[in-house]
Amino acid sequence: MTKGWGAAAGMLVLGAAMFGMTGCGGGEAAAKAPAASPSEKPPSVSAAGKAYADDLNKLAWGGCPDDCDPDLNEIVANARILRKAMNADPAGASFWSPAYRLIDRIEEGRAKVQGDARWNRALILGPAHELNTWLSLHPTQ
């Protein structure tokens, strides 16, 4: 009888370890993402903006599923890439200031969304859609 309990306990430990590796916070996807080289040139603002808009629009058309954390993480990651592209853009920080503020709000919203994102989607999606609108009204120079 103790053999059965030992096997069950072992399975629970294994399950908990696997859940910890694939749970919230990036897990497997974050581990697979290649690290960017500091000397690597960021994409153009138009390319980064297109990737950002495509992912956001894909989510908007498909709706946000019950577990849309991966989708929200993708939007945040694309906003970060967009910020890097803006930093390298010759238009300068004064041109991109409104966009920077919206990206900051996306980041703040993501920091507040811990665990169950279903109740806090607007904290990310609200400024994400505002940024998408701003980008369409202020194309790259």
N, C-alpha and C. Protein backbone atom coordinates (compact mmCIF):
# COMPACT_ATOMS: atom_id res chain seq x y z
N MET A 1 0.82 -1.19 0.00
CA MET A 1 0.00 0.00 0.00
C MET A 1 0.86 1.26 0.00
N THR A 2 1.96 1.28 0.70
CA THR A 2 2.82 2.46 0.70
C THR A 2 3.46 2.66 -0.66
N LYS A 3 3.64 1.57 -1.41
CA LYS A 3 4.21 1.70 -2.75
C LYS A 3 3.28 2.55 -3.63
N GLY A 4 1.97 2.33 -3.53
CA GLY A 4 1.00 3.11 -4.31
C GLY A 4 1.02 4.57 -3.93
N TRP A 5 1.10 4.87 -2.64
CA TRP A 5 1.15 6.25 -2.18
C TRP A 5 2.44 6.92 -2.63
N GLY A 6 3.53 6.19 -2.59
CA GLY A 6 4.81 6.76 -3.04
C GLY A 6 4.78 7.11 -4.51
N ALA A 7 4.19 6.24 -5.32
CA ALA A 7 4.08 6.51 -6.75
C ALA A 7 3.19 7.72 -7.01
N ALA A 8 2.08 7.80 -6.26
CA ALA A 8 1.17 8.94 -6.42
C ALA A 8 1.85 10.24 -6.01
N ALA A 9 2.60 10.20 -4.93
CA ALA A 9 3.31 11.41 -4.49
C ALA A 9 4.36 11.82 -5.52
N GLY A 10 5.03 10.83 -6.07
CA GLY A 10 6.03 11.12 -7.10
C GLY A 10 5.41 11.77 -8.32
N MET A 11 4.24 11.29 -8.73
CA MET A 11 3.53 11.87 -9.87
C MET A 11 3.10 13.31 -9.58
N LEU A 12 2.68 13.56 -8.34
CA LEU A 12 2.29 14.93 -7.96
C LEU A 12 3.48 15.87 -8.03
N VAL A 13 4.62 15.43 -7.54
CA VAL A 13 5.84 16.25 -7.58
C VAL A 13 6.23 16.51 -9.03
N LEU A 14 6.19 15.47 -9.86
CA LEU A 14 6.52 15.63 -11.28
C LEU A 14 5.55 16.59 -11.95
N GLY A 15 4.26 16.45 -11.65
CA GLY A 15 3.25 17.34 -12.24
C GLY A 15 3.47 18.78 -11.81
N ALA A 16 3.79 18.99 -10.54
CA ALA A 16 4.03 20.35 -10.05
C ALA A 16 5.26 20.94 -10.72
N ALA A 17 6.29 20.14 -10.90
CA ALA A 17 7.50 20.64 -11.55
C ALA A 17 7.22 21.02 -12.99
N MET A 18 6.44 20.20 -13.70
CA MET A 18 6.12 20.51 -15.09
C MET A 18 5.23 21.74 -15.18
N PHE A 19 4.27 21.89 -14.25
CA PHE A 19 3.42 23.07 -14.25
C PHE A 19 4.26 24.32 -14.02
N GLY A 20 5.22 24.25 -13.14
CA GLY A 20 6.09 25.39 -12.86
C GLY A 20 6.89 25.80 -14.07
N MET A 21 7.26 24.84 -14.93
CA MET A 21 8.04 25.17 -16.11
C MET A 21 7.18 25.76 -17.21
N THR A 22 5.89 25.39 -17.27
CA THR A 22 5.06 25.85 -18.37
C THR A 22 3.97 26.80 -17.93
N GLY A 23 3.95 27.21 -16.68
CA GLY A 23 2.90 28.10 -16.18
C GLY A 23 3.08 29.51 -16.67
N CYS A 24 2.41 30.43 -16.05
CA CYS A 24 2.44 31.84 -16.44
C CYS A 24 3.85 32.40 -16.37
N GLY A 25 4.07 33.46 -17.10
CA GLY A 25 5.35 34.15 -17.02
C GLY A 25 6.27 33.85 -18.18
N GLY A 26 5.75 33.33 -19.27
CA GLY A 26 6.60 33.11 -20.43
C GLY A 26 6.92 31.66 -20.64
N GLY A 27 7.36 30.97 -19.62
CA GLY A 27 7.64 29.54 -19.68
C GLY A 27 8.44 29.12 -20.88
N GLU A 28 7.91 28.16 -21.62
CA GLU A 28 8.61 27.56 -22.75
C GLU A 28 8.86 28.56 -23.86
N ALA A 29 7.88 29.42 -24.15
CA ALA A 29 8.04 30.40 -25.23
C ALA A 29 9.17 31.36 -24.91
N ALA A 30 9.26 31.79 -23.65
CA ALA A 30 10.32 32.72 -23.28
C ALA A 30 11.68 32.04 -23.36
N ALA A 31 11.73 30.76 -23.03
CA ALA A 31 12.99 30.04 -23.07
C ALA A 31 13.46 29.84 -24.51
N LYS A 32 12.53 29.73 -25.46
CA LYS A 32 12.88 29.51 -26.86
C LYS A 32 13.24 30.80 -27.58
N ALA A 33 12.83 31.94 -27.04
CA ALA A 33 13.08 33.20 -27.71
C ALA A 33 14.58 33.49 -27.74
N PRO A 34 15.11 33.80 -28.92
CA PRO A 34 16.54 34.09 -29.00
C PRO A 34 16.85 35.43 -28.35
N ALA A 35 17.98 35.51 -27.70
CA ALA A 35 18.40 36.76 -27.08
C ALA A 35 18.94 37.69 -28.16
N ALA A 36 18.50 38.92 -28.11
CA ALA A 36 18.95 39.89 -29.11
C ALA A 36 20.34 40.38 -28.75
N SER A 37 21.13 40.50 -29.77
CA SER A 37 22.49 41.01 -29.58
C SER A 37 22.41 42.52 -29.39
N PRO A 38 23.23 43.11 -28.49
CA PRO A 38 23.19 44.55 -28.31
C PRO A 38 23.54 45.31 -29.60
N SER A 39 24.34 44.69 -30.46
CA SER A 39 24.73 45.36 -31.70
C SER A 39 23.73 45.11 -32.82
N GLU A 40 22.72 44.25 -32.57
CA GLU A 40 21.72 43.94 -33.59
C GLU A 40 20.87 45.16 -33.86
N LYS A 41 20.70 45.48 -35.12
CA LYS A 41 19.92 46.65 -35.52
C LYS A 41 18.43 46.35 -35.36
N PRO A 42 17.69 47.25 -34.69
CA PRO A 42 16.25 47.02 -34.53
C PRO A 42 15.55 47.13 -35.89
N PRO A 43 14.36 46.56 -35.99
CA PRO A 43 13.62 46.69 -37.25
C PRO A 43 13.19 48.13 -37.45
N SER A 44 12.78 48.45 -38.66
CA SER A 44 12.26 49.79 -38.91
C SER A 44 10.96 49.97 -38.15
N VAL A 45 10.58 51.22 -37.93
CA VAL A 45 9.33 51.49 -37.23
C VAL A 45 8.15 50.96 -38.04
N SER A 46 8.22 51.09 -39.36
CA SER A 46 7.09 50.59 -40.16
C SER A 46 6.97 49.08 -40.06
N ALA A 47 8.09 48.35 -40.07
CA ALA A 47 8.04 46.89 -39.94
C ALA A 47 7.56 46.48 -38.54
N ALA A 48 8.10 47.14 -37.51
CA ALA A 48 7.68 46.83 -36.14
C ALA A 48 6.22 47.20 -35.93
N GLY A 49 5.80 48.33 -36.49
CA GLY A 49 4.41 48.76 -36.37
C GLY A 49 3.45 47.81 -37.08
N LYS A 50 3.87 47.30 -38.23
CA LYS A 50 3.03 46.35 -38.97
C LYS A 50 2.88 45.05 -38.17
N ALA A 51 3.97 44.53 -37.61
CA ALA A 51 3.89 43.31 -36.80
C ALA A 51 2.99 43.53 -35.59
N TYR A 52 3.13 44.69 -34.96
CA TYR A 52 2.31 45.04 -33.80
C TYR A 52 0.83 45.07 -34.19
N ALA A 53 0.51 45.81 -35.26
CA ALA A 53 -0.88 45.94 -35.70
C ALA A 53 -1.46 44.60 -36.13
N ASP A 54 -0.67 43.80 -36.84
CA ASP A 54 -1.16 42.49 -37.29
C ASP A 54 -1.56 41.62 -36.11
N ASP A 55 -0.70 41.55 -35.09
CA ASP A 55 -1.03 40.72 -33.93
C ASP A 55 -2.23 41.26 -33.17
N LEU A 56 -2.30 42.57 -33.02
CA LEU A 56 -3.42 43.17 -32.31
C LEU A 56 -4.72 42.96 -33.08
N ASN A 57 -4.68 43.14 -34.39
CA ASN A 57 -5.88 42.94 -35.21
C ASN A 57 -6.30 41.49 -35.24
N LYS A 58 -5.34 40.58 -35.25
CA LYS A 58 -5.66 39.15 -35.22
C LYS A 58 -6.42 38.82 -33.93
N LEU A 59 -5.97 39.39 -32.83
CA LEU A 59 -6.63 39.17 -31.55
C LEU A 59 -8.02 39.82 -31.56
N ALA A 60 -8.13 41.01 -32.11
CA ALA A 60 -9.40 41.71 -32.13
C ALA A 60 -10.44 40.93 -32.95
N TRP A 61 -10.05 40.40 -34.10
CA TRP A 61 -10.99 39.66 -34.93
C TRP A 61 -11.34 38.33 -34.30
N GLY A 62 -10.38 37.68 -33.68
CA GLY A 62 -10.63 36.38 -33.09
C GLY A 62 -11.19 36.46 -31.69
N GLY A 63 -11.21 37.65 -31.12
CA GLY A 63 -11.63 37.80 -29.74
C GLY A 63 -10.53 37.36 -28.80
N CYS A 64 -10.69 37.64 -27.55
CA CYS A 64 -9.71 37.24 -26.55
C CYS A 64 -10.25 35.99 -25.88
N PRO A 65 -9.60 34.84 -26.11
CA PRO A 65 -10.08 33.60 -25.51
C PRO A 65 -9.98 33.65 -23.99
N ASP A 66 -10.56 32.63 -23.33
CA ASP A 66 -10.51 32.59 -21.87
C ASP A 66 -9.10 32.79 -21.36
N ASP A 67 -8.15 32.11 -21.96
CA ASP A 67 -6.75 32.27 -21.55
C ASP A 67 -6.03 33.02 -22.66
N CYS A 68 -6.09 34.35 -22.60
CA CYS A 68 -5.45 35.12 -23.65
C CYS A 68 -4.10 35.68 -23.17
N ASP A 69 -3.59 35.17 -22.06
CA ASP A 69 -2.29 35.61 -21.58
C ASP A 69 -1.21 35.51 -22.66
N PRO A 70 -1.12 34.42 -23.42
CA PRO A 70 -0.10 34.37 -24.47
C PRO A 70 -0.29 35.48 -25.50
N ASP A 71 -1.53 35.79 -25.85
CA ASP A 71 -1.80 36.86 -26.80
C ASP A 71 -1.41 38.22 -26.23
N LEU A 72 -1.74 38.45 -24.95
CA LEU A 72 -1.38 39.71 -24.31
C LEU A 72 0.13 39.84 -24.21
N ASN A 73 0.82 38.74 -23.89
CA ASN A 73 2.28 38.78 -23.82
C ASN A 73 2.88 39.12 -25.18
N GLU A 74 2.27 38.61 -26.25
CA GLU A 74 2.75 38.90 -27.61
C GLU A 74 2.58 40.39 -27.92
N ILE A 75 1.46 40.97 -27.52
CA ILE A 75 1.24 42.39 -27.75
C ILE A 75 2.27 43.22 -26.99
N VAL A 76 2.53 42.85 -25.74
CA VAL A 76 3.53 43.57 -24.94
C VAL A 76 4.91 43.43 -25.57
N ALA A 77 5.27 42.22 -26.01
CA ALA A 77 6.58 42.00 -26.64
C ALA A 77 6.71 42.83 -27.92
N ASN A 78 5.65 42.88 -28.72
CA ASN A 78 5.69 43.69 -29.94
C ASN A 78 5.79 45.17 -29.63
N ALA A 79 5.15 45.62 -28.56
CA ALA A 79 5.26 47.03 -28.16
C ALA A 79 6.69 47.36 -27.75
N ARG A 80 7.36 46.42 -27.09
CA ARG A 80 8.76 46.63 -26.70
C ARG A 80 9.66 46.73 -27.92
N ILE A 81 9.42 45.88 -28.90
CA ILE A 81 10.20 45.92 -30.14
C ILE A 81 9.93 47.24 -30.85
N LEU A 82 8.69 47.67 -30.85
CA LEU A 82 8.32 48.94 -31.47
C LEU A 82 9.04 50.10 -30.79
N ARG A 83 9.14 50.06 -29.46
CA ARG A 83 9.85 51.12 -28.74
C ARG A 83 11.33 51.16 -29.17
N LYS A 84 11.95 49.99 -29.31
CA LYS A 84 13.36 49.95 -29.75
C LYS A 84 13.49 50.54 -31.15
N ALA A 85 12.56 50.23 -32.02
CA ALA A 85 12.60 50.78 -33.38
C ALA A 85 12.42 52.30 -33.34
N MET A 86 11.54 52.79 -32.47
CA MET A 86 11.34 54.23 -32.34
C MET A 86 12.59 54.91 -31.80
N ASN A 87 13.25 54.25 -30.85
CA ASN A 87 14.48 54.82 -30.29
C ASN A 87 15.54 55.01 -31.36
N ALA A 88 15.56 54.15 -32.36
CA ALA A 88 16.57 54.23 -33.42
C ALA A 88 16.11 55.09 -34.59
N ASP A 89 14.87 55.52 -34.58
CA ASP A 89 14.31 56.27 -35.69
C ASP A 89 14.79 57.73 -35.66
N PRO A 90 15.15 58.28 -36.83
CA PRO A 90 15.63 59.66 -36.87
C PRO A 90 14.57 60.71 -36.52
N ALA A 91 13.29 60.34 -36.49
CA ALA A 91 12.25 61.32 -36.14
C ALA A 91 12.46 61.88 -34.75
N GLY A 92 13.06 61.10 -33.87
CA GLY A 92 13.40 61.59 -32.54
C GLY A 92 12.32 61.37 -31.50
N ALA A 93 12.74 61.50 -30.26
CA ALA A 93 11.88 61.23 -29.11
C ALA A 93 10.68 62.18 -29.04
N SER A 94 10.85 63.42 -29.45
CA SER A 94 9.72 64.35 -29.35
C SER A 94 8.57 63.92 -30.25
N PHE A 95 8.88 63.39 -31.43
CA PHE A 95 7.84 62.90 -32.32
C PHE A 95 7.13 61.69 -31.72
N TRP A 96 7.91 60.78 -31.12
CA TRP A 96 7.37 59.53 -30.62
C TRP A 96 6.85 59.60 -29.18
N SER A 97 6.95 60.75 -28.52
CA SER A 97 6.54 60.86 -27.11
C SER A 97 5.14 60.33 -26.82
N PRO A 98 4.12 60.68 -27.59
CA PRO A 98 2.79 60.12 -27.30
C PRO A 98 2.77 58.59 -27.39
N ALA A 99 3.48 58.05 -28.36
CA ALA A 99 3.54 56.59 -28.51
C ALA A 99 4.28 55.97 -27.33
N TYR A 100 5.36 56.59 -26.88
CA TYR A 100 6.09 56.10 -25.72
C TYR A 100 5.18 56.03 -24.49
N ARG A 101 4.35 57.07 -24.30
CA ARG A 101 3.45 57.07 -23.15
C ARG A 101 2.44 55.93 -23.22
N LEU A 102 1.95 55.64 -24.42
CA LEU A 102 1.01 54.53 -24.58
C LEU A 102 1.69 53.19 -24.33
N ILE A 103 2.93 53.05 -24.79
CA ILE A 103 3.67 51.82 -24.53
C ILE A 103 3.92 51.68 -23.03
N ASP A 104 4.20 52.79 -22.35
CA ASP A 104 4.36 52.74 -20.89
C ASP A 104 3.07 52.25 -20.22
N ARG A 105 1.92 52.70 -20.72
CA ARG A 105 0.64 52.26 -20.15
C ARG A 105 0.41 50.77 -20.41
N ILE A 106 0.82 50.29 -21.58
CA ILE A 106 0.72 48.85 -21.87
C ILE A 106 1.57 48.07 -20.88
N GLU A 107 2.80 48.55 -20.65
CA GLU A 107 3.72 47.89 -19.71
C GLU A 107 3.14 47.91 -18.29
N GLU A 108 2.60 49.06 -17.88
CA GLU A 108 1.99 49.17 -16.55
C GLU A 108 0.80 48.22 -16.42
N GLY A 109 -0.01 48.14 -17.47
CA GLY A 109 -1.15 47.23 -17.46
C GLY A 109 -0.70 45.79 -17.34
N ARG A 110 0.36 45.44 -18.04
CA ARG A 110 0.87 44.06 -17.97
C ARG A 110 1.41 43.76 -16.57
N ALA A 111 2.04 44.75 -15.95
CA ALA A 111 2.56 44.54 -14.59
C ALA A 111 1.43 44.30 -13.60
N LYS A 112 0.27 44.89 -13.84
CA LYS A 112 -0.87 44.73 -12.93
C LYS A 112 -1.62 43.43 -13.17
N VAL A 113 -1.51 42.89 -14.38
CA VAL A 113 -2.22 41.66 -14.72
C VAL A 113 -1.35 40.49 -14.28
N GLN A 114 -1.70 39.93 -13.16
CA GLN A 114 -0.99 38.77 -12.63
C GLN A 114 -1.99 37.63 -12.50
N GLY A 115 -1.63 36.47 -12.98
CA GLY A 115 -2.51 35.32 -12.85
C GLY A 115 -3.62 35.37 -13.87
N ASP A 116 -4.84 35.59 -13.44
CA ASP A 116 -6.01 35.53 -14.30
C ASP A 116 -6.20 36.84 -15.04
N ALA A 117 -5.81 36.87 -16.29
CA ALA A 117 -5.87 38.10 -17.08
C ALA A 117 -7.28 38.42 -17.56
N ARG A 118 -8.23 37.49 -17.39
CA ARG A 118 -9.57 37.73 -17.91
C ARG A 118 -10.21 38.99 -17.35
N TRP A 119 -9.87 39.34 -16.13
CA TRP A 119 -10.52 40.48 -15.49
C TRP A 119 -9.78 41.78 -15.72
N ASN A 120 -8.60 41.75 -16.30
CA ASN A 120 -7.80 42.97 -16.46
C ASN A 120 -7.34 43.20 -17.88
N ARG A 121 -8.00 42.61 -18.84
CA ARG A 121 -7.58 42.75 -20.24
C ARG A 121 -7.55 44.20 -20.69
N ALA A 122 -8.49 44.99 -20.23
CA ALA A 122 -8.58 46.38 -20.67
C ALA A 122 -7.34 47.18 -20.30
N LEU A 123 -6.64 46.78 -19.23
CA LEU A 123 -5.43 47.49 -18.83
C LEU A 123 -4.34 47.40 -19.89
N ILE A 124 -4.37 46.35 -20.70
CA ILE A 124 -3.41 46.19 -21.79
C ILE A 124 -4.05 46.57 -23.12
N LEU A 125 -5.24 46.04 -23.36
CA LEU A 125 -5.86 46.23 -24.67
C LEU A 125 -6.31 47.66 -24.92
N GLY A 126 -6.71 48.38 -23.88
CA GLY A 126 -7.11 49.78 -24.07
C GLY A 126 -5.98 50.61 -24.66
N PRO A 127 -4.84 50.71 -23.96
CA PRO A 127 -3.73 51.49 -24.53
C PRO A 127 -3.15 50.84 -25.79
N ALA A 128 -3.26 49.52 -25.93
CA ALA A 128 -2.75 48.86 -27.14
C ALA A 128 -3.52 49.33 -28.37
N HIS A 129 -4.85 49.42 -28.24
CA HIS A 129 -5.66 49.91 -29.37
C HIS A 129 -5.42 51.40 -29.60
N GLU A 130 -5.24 52.17 -28.52
CA GLU A 130 -4.91 53.59 -28.67
C GLU A 130 -3.60 53.77 -29.43
N LEU A 131 -2.61 52.94 -29.11
CA LEU A 131 -1.32 53.01 -29.80
C LEU A 131 -1.49 52.65 -31.27
N ASN A 132 -2.28 51.64 -31.55
CA ASN A 132 -2.52 51.25 -32.94
C ASN A 132 -3.15 52.40 -33.71
N THR A 133 -4.11 53.08 -33.12
CA THR A 133 -4.75 54.23 -33.75
C THR A 133 -3.74 55.36 -33.95
N TRP A 134 -2.94 55.64 -32.91
CA TRP A 134 -1.94 56.70 -33.00
C TRP A 134 -0.96 56.41 -34.14
N LEU A 135 -0.51 55.18 -34.23
CA LEU A 135 0.44 54.81 -35.29
C LEU A 135 -0.16 54.98 -36.67
N SER A 136 -1.45 54.68 -36.82
CA SER A 136 -2.08 54.84 -38.14
C SER A 136 -2.26 56.31 -38.50
N LEU A 137 -2.42 57.17 -37.49
CA LEU A 137 -2.56 58.61 -37.75
C LEU A 137 -1.23 59.32 -37.88
N HIS A 138 -0.16 58.69 -37.40
CA HIS A 138 1.18 59.28 -37.45
C HIS A 138 2.17 58.29 -38.08
N PRO A 139 2.05 58.10 -39.38
CA PRO A 139 2.96 57.14 -40.02
C PRO A 139 4.40 57.63 -39.91
N THR A 140 5.31 56.71 -40.10
CA THR A 140 6.72 57.07 -40.00
C THR A 140 7.06 58.12 -41.04
N GLN A 141 8.02 58.91 -40.70
CA GLN A 141 8.40 60.02 -41.59
C GLN A 141 9.39 59.57 -42.63
